[in-house]
């Protein structure tokens, strides 16, 4: 079982990551751009992703990867910390970081 501390540790090892808040919960940003935040329930993280990857993840494991109506039109996915494998979480955080990083091209 992963925790937000795990997320925090993985993300802060990346360059230019700063701590902040989003919707009143802890969040991590790269040069001011959100790439991960803790949901209000304390058991779910929100990660930036592509719409295609989001659909694939949700189709393969809907109990771990899902969205709410709020995120329907945004390129983010919700990830259950209780269910996600740490190696998958690490990869998702790295992808989220790359997608959010300004000047990434």
Protein backbone atom coordinates (compact mmCIF):
# COMPACT_ATOMS: atom_id res chain seq x y z
CA UNK A 1 0.00 0.00 0.00
CA UNK A 2 1.41 3.38 -1.02
CA UNK A 3 0.90 6.61 0.89
CA UNK A 4 1.09 10.29 0.08
CA UNK A 5 4.50 10.25 1.77
CA UNK A 6 5.61 7.80 -0.95
CA UNK A 7 4.25 10.13 -3.64
CA UNK A 8 5.90 13.10 -1.98
CA UNK A 9 9.29 11.37 -1.78
CA UNK A 10 9.22 10.23 -5.44
CA UNK A 11 8.11 13.63 -6.73
CA UNK A 12 10.50 15.76 -4.68
CA UNK A 13 13.44 13.82 -6.15
CA UNK A 14 12.61 15.37 -9.54
CA UNK A 15 14.08 18.74 -10.61
CA UNK A 16 12.21 22.01 -9.95
CA UNK A 17 9.40 20.43 -7.91
CA UNK A 18 7.76 22.65 -5.34
CA UNK A 19 5.16 22.00 -2.69
CA UNK A 20 1.86 23.82 -2.71
CA UNK A 21 -1.85 23.26 -2.39
CA UNK A 22 -4.76 22.62 -4.73
CA UNK A 23 -8.38 22.64 -3.58
CA UNK A 24 -7.01 22.94 -0.04
CA UNK A 25 -5.00 19.71 -0.19
CA UNK A 26 -1.24 19.09 -0.55
CA UNK A 27 -0.04 19.37 -4.13
CA UNK A 28 3.21 19.20 -6.05
CA UNK A 29 4.05 21.45 -8.96
CA UNK A 30 6.87 21.74 -11.46
CA UNK A 31 7.72 25.39 -12.14
CA UNK A 32 4.23 26.34 -10.96
CA UNK A 33 2.34 23.71 -12.98
CA UNK A 34 0.31 21.13 -11.06
CA UNK A 35 1.21 17.50 -11.67
CA UNK A 36 0.03 15.72 -8.53
CA UNK A 37 -2.29 16.43 -5.64
CA UNK A 38 -3.85 14.55 -2.78
CA UNK A 39 -7.64 14.28 -2.95
CA UNK A 40 -9.73 15.35 0.01
CA UNK A 41 -10.27 11.73 1.06
CA UNK A 42 -6.52 11.34 1.82
CA UNK A 43 -6.49 7.99 0.01
CA UNK A 44 -6.41 9.08 -3.63
CA UNK A 45 -3.96 11.11 -5.71
CA UNK A 46 -4.69 13.05 -8.86
CA UNK A 47 -2.03 12.80 -11.58
CA UNK A 48 -1.69 14.53 -14.92
CA UNK A 49 -1.90 12.06 -17.82
CA UNK A 50 -3.02 11.79 -21.42
CA UNK A 51 -6.61 10.97 -22.25
CA UNK A 52 -5.46 7.82 -24.06
CA UNK A 53 -3.40 6.52 -21.14
CA UNK A 54 -6.24 7.36 -18.76
CA UNK A 55 -8.71 5.28 -20.78
CA UNK A 56 -6.29 2.35 -20.95
CA UNK A 57 -5.55 2.40 -17.23
CA UNK A 58 -9.22 2.63 -16.28
CA UNK A 59 -10.15 -0.17 -18.67
CA UNK A 60 -7.45 -2.47 -17.28
CA UNK A 61 -7.93 -1.75 -13.55
CA UNK A 62 -10.99 0.40 -12.75
CA UNK A 63 -10.67 -0.14 -9.00
CA UNK A 64 -7.21 1.46 -8.97
CA UNK A 65 -7.60 4.06 -11.74
CA UNK A 66 -10.73 6.15 -12.16
CA UNK A 67 -12.12 9.68 -12.55
CA UNK A 68 -14.99 11.69 -11.17
CA UNK A 69 -17.25 13.93 -13.22
CA UNK A 70 -15.05 16.88 -12.24
CA UNK A 71 -12.08 15.41 -14.14
CA UNK A 72 -14.01 14.22 -17.19
CA UNK A 73 -12.76 17.06 -19.41
CA UNK A 74 -9.28 17.39 -17.88
CA UNK A 75 -6.23 15.22 -18.59
CA UNK A 76 -5.95 13.83 -15.06
CA UNK A 77 -6.51 10.44 -13.49
CA UNK A 78 -7.36 9.47 -9.92
CA UNK A 79 -5.24 6.73 -8.39
CA UNK A 80 -6.14 4.70 -5.30
CA UNK A 81 -3.08 4.70 -3.04
CA UNK A 82 -4.38 1.60 -1.31
CA UNK A 83 -4.41 -0.41 -4.54
CA UNK A 84 -1.62 0.95 -6.76
CA UNK A 85 1.71 -0.87 -6.97
CA UNK A 86 4.67 1.32 -6.01
CA UNK A 87 6.49 0.71 -9.31
CA UNK A 88 3.38 1.75 -11.27
CA UNK A 89 2.96 4.80 -9.05
CA UNK A 90 6.58 5.82 -9.62
CA UNK A 91 6.14 5.56 -13.40
CA UNK A 92 2.87 7.51 -13.32
CA UNK A 93 4.45 10.30 -11.28
CA UNK A 94 7.35 10.56 -13.73
CA UNK A 95 4.96 10.72 -16.71
CA UNK A 96 2.79 13.29 -14.93
CA UNK A 97 5.87 15.41 -14.21
CA UNK A 98 7.02 15.31 -17.84
CA UNK A 99 3.56 16.28 -19.11
CA UNK A 100 3.28 19.23 -16.71
CA UNK A 101 6.83 20.54 -16.99
CA UNK A 102 6.90 23.88 -18.83
CA UNK A 103 9.20 23.92 -21.85
CA UNK A 104 9.12 20.14 -22.07
CA UNK A 105 9.39 20.06 -25.88
